[in-house]
Each structure stands twice: as structure tokens, then as C-alpha cells.
């Protein structure tokens, strides 16, 4: 479960969470800019592999 508001890395250890990118978050330069604006180091990102979550669907 994600926090209600993502806060700087000192308050939430992003390195312990896997993130499934969808939509604009697949744009690496846009995601890096968001991370920097919100106090995260883009160095925290590590590509693992394409993945799917069976029996789940995006909810907006």
C-alpha cells in the first residue's frame, strides 16, 4: 500500500518498493524529473524486467 502522499526519501524508503510503470511513467525522462522535483534521487530506479500482474487491472 502506498502512502497517501509521497514524501521525500527520508520519510519513505522507496528502495524497498517495487513499482509497476504505466502510462506517462514509462517516459524515463519525465519520471526522473518527477523524482527530482519531489526530493528523490533518480539513482533509486532499477530496471528489473517486464512484468504483469495476473488478475489485476488499472483503476483510475
PDB file of N, CA and C in Angstrom:
ATOM      1  N   UNK A   1       0.843  -1.178   0.000  1.00  0.00           N
ATOM      2  CA  UNK A   1       0.000   0.000   0.000  1.00  0.00           C
ATOM      3  C   UNK A   1       0.888   1.241   0.000  1.00  0.00           C
ATOM      4  N   UNK A   2       0.565   2.199  -0.842  1.00  0.00           N
ATOM      5  CA  UNK A   2       1.340   3.429  -0.921  1.00  0.00           C
ATOM      6  C   UNK A   2       0.828   4.442   0.093  1.00  0.00           C
ATOM      7  N   UNK A   3       1.701   5.324   0.553  1.00  0.00           N
ATOM      8  CA  UNK A   3       1.238   6.379   1.452  1.00  0.00           C
ATOM      9  C   UNK A   3       0.294   7.313   0.710  1.00  0.00           C
ATOM     10  N   UNK A   4      -0.549   8.044   1.464  1.00  0.00           N
ATOM     11  CA  UNK A   4      -1.490   8.962   0.822  1.00  0.00           C
ATOM     12  C   UNK A   4      -0.760  10.005  -0.014  1.00  0.00           C
ATOM     13  N   UNK A   5       0.368  10.478   0.470  1.00  0.00           N
ATOM     14  CA  UNK A   5       1.154  11.455  -0.276  1.00  0.00           C
ATOM     15  C   UNK A   5       2.595  10.989  -0.222  1.00  0.00           C
ATOM     16  N   UNK A   6       3.218  10.915  -1.360  1.00  0.00           N
ATOM     17  CA  UNK A   6       4.616  10.503  -1.391  1.00  0.00           C
ATOM     18  C   UNK A   6       5.460  11.654  -0.871  1.00  0.00           C
ATOM     19  N   UNK A   7       6.330  11.371   0.066  1.00  0.00           N
ATOM     20  CA  UNK A   7       7.163  12.384   0.695  1.00  0.00           C
ATOM     21  C   UNK A   7       8.628  12.091   0.399  1.00  0.00           C
ATOM     22  N   UNK A   8       9.522  13.036   0.708  1.00  0.00           N
ATOM     23  CA  UNK A   8      10.944  12.810   0.417  1.00  0.00           C
ATOM     24  C   UNK A   8      11.458  11.502   0.999  1.00  0.00           C
ATOM     25  N   UNK A   9      12.501  10.987   0.395  1.00  0.00           N
ATOM     26  CA  UNK A   9      13.019   9.657   0.707  1.00  0.00           C
ATOM     27  C   UNK A   9      13.319   9.452   2.189  1.00  0.00           C
ATOM     28  N   UNK A  10      13.621  10.511   2.922  1.00  0.00           N
ATOM     29  CA  UNK A  10      13.882  10.367   4.343  1.00  0.00           C
ATOM     30  C   UNK A  10      12.666   9.885   5.119  1.00  0.00           C
ATOM     31  N   UNK A  11      11.465  10.133   4.584  1.00  0.00           N
ATOM     32  CA  UNK A  11      10.236   9.742   5.255  1.00  0.00           C
ATOM     33  C   UNK A  11       9.682   8.409   4.763  1.00  0.00           C
ATOM     34  N   UNK A  12      10.120   7.985   3.583  1.00  0.00           N
ATOM     35  CA  UNK A  12       9.569   6.768   2.986  1.00  0.00           C
ATOM     36  C   UNK A  12      10.669   6.111   2.188  1.00  0.00           C
ATOM     37  N   UNK A  13      11.017   4.894   2.506  1.00  0.00           N
ATOM     38  CA  UNK A  13      12.132   4.222   1.858  1.00  0.00           C
ATOM     39  C   UNK A  13      11.676   3.600   0.544  1.00  0.00           C
ATOM     40  N   UNK A  14      11.846   4.354  -0.536  1.00  0.00           N
ATOM     41  CA  UNK A  14      11.408   3.911  -1.845  1.00  0.00           C
ATOM     42  C   UNK A  14      12.191   2.699  -2.321  1.00  0.00           C
ATOM     43  N   UNK A  15      13.381   2.468  -1.802  1.00  0.00           N
ATOM     44  CA  UNK A  15      14.205   1.356  -2.269  1.00  0.00           C
ATOM     45  C   UNK A  15      13.625   0.000  -1.869  1.00  0.00           C
ATOM     46  N   UNK A  16      12.646  -0.027  -0.999  1.00  0.00           N
ATOM     47  CA  UNK A  16      12.046  -1.284  -0.568  1.00  0.00           C
ATOM     48  C   UNK A  16      10.752  -1.595  -1.307  1.00  0.00           C
ATOM     49  N   UNK A  17      10.400  -0.804  -2.307  1.00  0.00           N
ATOM     50  CA  UNK A  17       9.136  -0.984  -3.005  1.00  0.00           C
ATOM     51  C   UNK A  17       9.357  -1.223  -4.486  1.00  0.00           C
ATOM     52  N   UNK A  18       8.594  -2.144  -5.040  1.00  0.00           N
ATOM     53  CA  UNK A  18       8.596  -2.343  -6.482  1.00  0.00           C
ATOM     54  C   UNK A  18       7.525  -1.446  -7.075  1.00  0.00           C
ATOM     55  N   UNK A  19       7.795  -0.931  -8.247  1.00  0.00           N
ATOM     56  CA  UNK A  19       6.863  -0.021  -8.896  1.00  0.00           C
ATOM     57  C   UNK A  19       6.558  -0.546 -10.282  1.00  0.00           C
ATOM     58  N   UNK A  20       5.306  -0.625 -10.627  1.00  0.00           N
ATOM     59  CA  UNK A  20       4.898  -1.030 -11.960  1.00  0.00           C
ATOM     60  C   UNK A  20       4.529   0.229 -12.728  1.00  0.00           C
ATOM     61  N   UNK A  21       5.320   0.546 -13.755  1.00  0.00           N
ATOM     62  CA  UNK A  21       5.083   1.763 -14.531  1.00  0.00           C
ATOM     63  C   UNK A  21       3.936   1.558 -15.503  1.00  0.00           C
ATOM     64  N   UNK A  22       3.136   2.598 -15.661  1.00  0.00           N
ATOM     65  CA  UNK A  22       2.022   2.571 -16.597  1.00  0.00           C
ATOM     66  C   UNK A  22       1.826   3.985 -17.114  1.00  0.00           C
ATOM     67  N   UNK A  23       1.563   4.138 -18.385  1.00  0.00           N
ATOM     68  CA  UNK A  23       1.266   5.453 -18.941  1.00  0.00           C
ATOM     69  C   UNK A  23       2.497   6.339 -18.995  1.00  0.00           C
ATOM     70  N   UNK A  24       2.350   7.596 -18.542  1.00  0.00           N
ATOM     71  CA  UNK A  24       3.440   8.565 -18.669  1.00  0.00           C
ATOM     72  C   UNK A  24       4.656   8.167 -17.847  1.00  0.00           C
ATOM     73  N   UNK A  25       4.492   7.302 -16.866  1.00  0.00           N
ATOM     74  CA  UNK A  25       5.639   6.877 -16.066  1.00  0.00           C
ATOM     75  C   UNK A  25       6.575   5.966 -16.838  1.00  0.00           C
ATOM     76  N   UNK A  26       6.183   5.574 -18.045  1.00  0.00           N
ATOM     77  CA  UNK A  26       7.084   4.812 -18.902  1.00  0.00           C
ATOM     78  C   UNK A  26       8.089   5.739 -19.581  1.00  0.00           C
ATOM     79  N   UNK A  27       7.838   7.047 -19.527  1.00  0.00           N
ATOM     80  CA  UNK A  27       8.740   8.042 -20.090  1.00  0.00           C
ATOM     81  C   UNK A  27       9.809   8.323 -19.034  1.00  0.00           C
ATOM     82  N   UNK A  28      10.990   7.750 -19.225  1.00  0.00           N
ATOM     83  CA  UNK A  28      12.029   7.815 -18.198  1.00  0.00           C
ATOM     84  C   UNK A  28      12.446   9.242 -17.860  1.00  0.00           C
ATOM     85  N   UNK A  29      12.571  10.123 -18.856  1.00  0.00           N
ATOM     86  CA  UNK A  29      12.984  11.497 -18.546  1.00  0.00           C
ATOM     87  C   UNK A  29      11.908  12.213 -17.730  1.00  0.00           C
ATOM     88  N   UNK A  30      10.634  11.959 -18.018  1.00  0.00           N
ATOM     89  CA  UNK A  30       9.547  12.556 -17.242  1.00  0.00           C
ATOM     90  C   UNK A  30       9.547  12.011 -15.810  1.00  0.00           C
ATOM     91  N   UNK A  31       9.752  10.719 -15.662  1.00  0.00           N
ATOM     92  CA  UNK A  31       9.791  10.114 -14.334  1.00  0.00           C
ATOM     93  C   UNK A  31      10.983  10.633 -13.533  1.00  0.00           C
ATOM     94  N   UNK A  32      12.147  10.759 -14.158  1.00  0.00           N
ATOM     95  CA  UNK A  32      13.323  11.314 -13.469  1.00  0.00           C
ATOM     96  C   UNK A  32      13.060  12.738 -13.004  1.00  0.00           C
ATOM     97  N   UNK A  33      12.416  13.548 -13.855  1.00  0.00           N
ATOM     98  CA  UNK A  33      12.100  14.927 -13.474  1.00  0.00           C
ATOM     99  C   UNK A  33      11.153  14.945 -12.275  1.00  0.00           C
ATOM    100  N   UNK A  34      10.158  14.057 -12.271  1.00  0.00           N
ATOM    101  CA  UNK A  34       9.220  13.991 -11.145  1.00  0.00           C
ATOM    102  C   UNK A  34       9.957  13.611  -9.865  1.00  0.00           C
ATOM    103  N   UNK A  35      10.827  12.621  -9.951  1.00  0.00           N
ATOM    104  CA  UNK A  35      11.591  12.200  -8.777  1.00  0.00           C
ATOM    105  C   UNK A  35      12.396  13.359  -8.207  1.00  0.00           C
ATOM    106  N   UNK A  36      13.101  14.084  -9.071  1.00  0.00           N
ATOM    107  CA  UNK A  36      13.920  15.206  -8.604  1.00  0.00           C
ATOM    108  C   UNK A  36      13.057  16.305  -7.992  1.00  0.00           C
ATOM    109  N   UNK A  37      11.914  16.623  -8.611  1.00  0.00           N
ATOM    110  CA  UNK A  37      11.013  17.654  -8.071  1.00  0.00           C
ATOM    111  C   UNK A  37      10.473  17.271  -6.701  1.00  0.00           C
ATOM    112  N   UNK A  38      10.371  15.983  -6.437  1.00  0.00           N
ATOM    113  CA  UNK A  38       9.776  15.516  -5.191  1.00  0.00           C
ATOM    114  C   UNK A  38      10.798  15.007  -4.182  1.00  0.00           C
ATOM    115  N   UNK A  39      12.066  15.325  -4.408  1.00  0.00           N
ATOM    116  CA  UNK A  39      13.095  15.030  -3.419  1.00  0.00           C
ATOM    117  C   UNK A  39      13.686  13.633  -3.461  1.00  0.00           C
ATOM    118  N   UNK A  40      13.487  12.909  -4.573  1.00  0.00           N
ATOM    119  CA  UNK A  40      14.055  11.570  -4.714  1.00  0.00           C
ATOM    120  C   UNK A  40      15.220  11.595  -5.685  1.00  0.00           C
ATOM    121  N   UNK A  41      16.159  10.706  -5.502  1.00  0.00           N
ATOM    122  CA  UNK A  41      17.260  10.562  -6.442  1.00  0.00           C
ATOM    123  C   UNK A  41      16.841   9.606  -7.556  1.00  0.00           C
ATOM    124  N   UNK A  42      16.992  10.004  -8.823  1.00  0.00           N
ATOM    125  CA  UNK A  42      16.703   9.075  -9.921  1.00  0.00           C
ATOM    126  C   UNK A  42      17.572   7.820  -9.861  1.00  0.00           C
ATOM    127  N   UNK A  43      18.662   7.870  -9.107  1.00  0.00           N
ATOM    128  CA  UNK A  43      19.525   6.691  -8.963  1.00  0.00           C
ATOM    129  C   UNK A  43      18.815   5.541  -8.245  1.00  0.00           C
ATOM    130  N   UNK A  44      17.671   5.825  -7.616  1.00  0.00           N
ATOM    131  CA  UNK A  44      16.919   4.770  -6.936  1.00  0.00           C
ATOM    132  C   UNK A  44      16.249   3.819  -7.920  1.00  0.00           C
ATOM    133  N   UNK A  45      16.059   4.268  -9.173  1.00  0.00           N
ATOM    134  CA  UNK A  45      15.389   3.433 -10.165  1.00  0.00           C
ATOM    135  C   UNK A  45      16.301   2.314 -10.631  1.00  0.00           C
ATOM    136  N   UNK A  46      15.749   1.147 -10.697  1.00  0.00           N
ATOM    137  CA  UNK A  46      16.498  -0.006 -11.194  1.00  0.00           C
ATOM    138  C   UNK A  46      15.545  -0.850 -12.026  1.00  0.00           C
ATOM    139  N   UNK A  47      15.853  -1.021 -13.298  1.00  0.00           N
ATOM    140  CA  UNK A  47      15.007  -1.819 -14.171  1.00  0.00           C
ATOM    141  C   UNK A  47      15.202  -3.292 -13.849  1.00  0.00           C
ATOM    142  N   UNK A  48      14.113  -4.005 -13.698  1.00  0.00           N
ATOM    143  CA  UNK A  48      14.200  -5.446 -13.450  1.00  0.00           C
ATOM    144  C   UNK A  48      13.810  -6.217 -14.695  1.00  0.00           C
ATOM    145  N   UNK A  49      12.586  -6.131 -15.102  1.00  0.00           N
ATOM    146  CA  UNK A  49      12.120  -6.840 -16.289  1.00  0.00           C
ATOM    147  C   UNK A  49      10.668  -6.465 -16.546  1.00  0.00           C
ATOM    148  N   UNK A  50      10.198  -6.702 -17.769  1.00  0.00           N
ATOM    149  CA  UNK A  50       8.761  -6.527 -17.995  1.00  0.00           C
ATOM    150  C   UNK A  50       8.003  -7.488 -17.072  1.00  0.00           C
ATOM    151  N   UNK A  51       6.855  -7.074 -16.623  1.00  0.00           N
ATOM    152  CA  UNK A  51       6.087  -7.911 -15.702  1.00  0.00           C
ATOM    153  C   UNK A  51       4.598  -7.711 -15.924  1.00  0.00           C
ATOM    154  N   UNK A  52       3.832  -8.644 -15.444  1.00  0.00           N
ATOM    155  CA  UNK A  52       2.380  -8.478 -15.451  1.00  0.00           C
ATOM    156  C   UNK A  52       1.847  -8.962 -14.106  1.00  0.00           C
ATOM    157  N   UNK A  53       0.710  -8.428 -13.753  1.00  0.00           N
ATOM    158  CA  UNK A  53       0.050  -8.828 -12.514  1.00  0.00           C
ATOM    159  C   UNK A  53      -1.238  -9.548 -12.897  1.00  0.00           C
ATOM    160  N   UNK A  54      -1.228 -10.862 -12.919  1.00  0.00           N
ATOM    161  CA  UNK A  54      -2.432 -11.599 -13.293  1.00  0.00           C
ATOM    162  C   UNK A  54      -3.597 -11.261 -12.361  1.00  0.00           C
ATOM    163  N   UNK A  55      -4.766 -11.200 -12.932  1.00  0.00           N
ATOM    164  CA  UNK A  55      -5.997 -10.944 -12.174  1.00  0.00           C
ATOM    165  C   UNK A  55      -6.072  -9.542 -11.581  1.00  0.00           C
ATOM    166  N   UNK A  56      -5.280  -8.600 -12.110  1.00  0.00           N
ATOM    167  CA  UNK A  56      -5.343  -7.204 -11.693  1.00  0.00           C
ATOM    168  C   UNK A  56      -5.566  -6.350 -12.927  1.00  0.00           C
ATOM    169  N   UNK A  57      -6.153  -5.188 -12.744  1.00  0.00           N
ATOM    170  CA  UNK A  57      -6.315  -4.241 -13.839  1.00  0.00           C
ATOM    171  C   UNK A  57      -6.152  -2.836 -13.285  1.00  0.00           C
ATOM    172  N   UNK A  58      -5.723  -1.875 -14.136  1.00  0.00           N
ATOM    173  CA  UNK A  58      -5.572  -0.498 -13.658  1.00  0.00           C
ATOM    174  C   UNK A  58      -6.919   0.064 -13.206  1.00  0.00           C
ATOM    175  N   UNK A  59      -6.898   0.850 -12.167  1.00  0.00           N
ATOM    176  CA  UNK A  59      -8.102   1.538 -11.688  1.00  0.00           C
ATOM    177  C   UNK A  59      -7.780   3.018 -11.603  1.00  0.00           C
ATOM    178  N   UNK A  60      -8.615   3.824 -12.186  1.00  0.00           N
ATOM    179  CA  UNK A  60      -8.374   5.270 -12.208  1.00  0.00           C
ATOM    180  C   UNK A  60      -9.453   5.997 -11.449  1.00  0.00           C
TER     181      UNK A  60
END
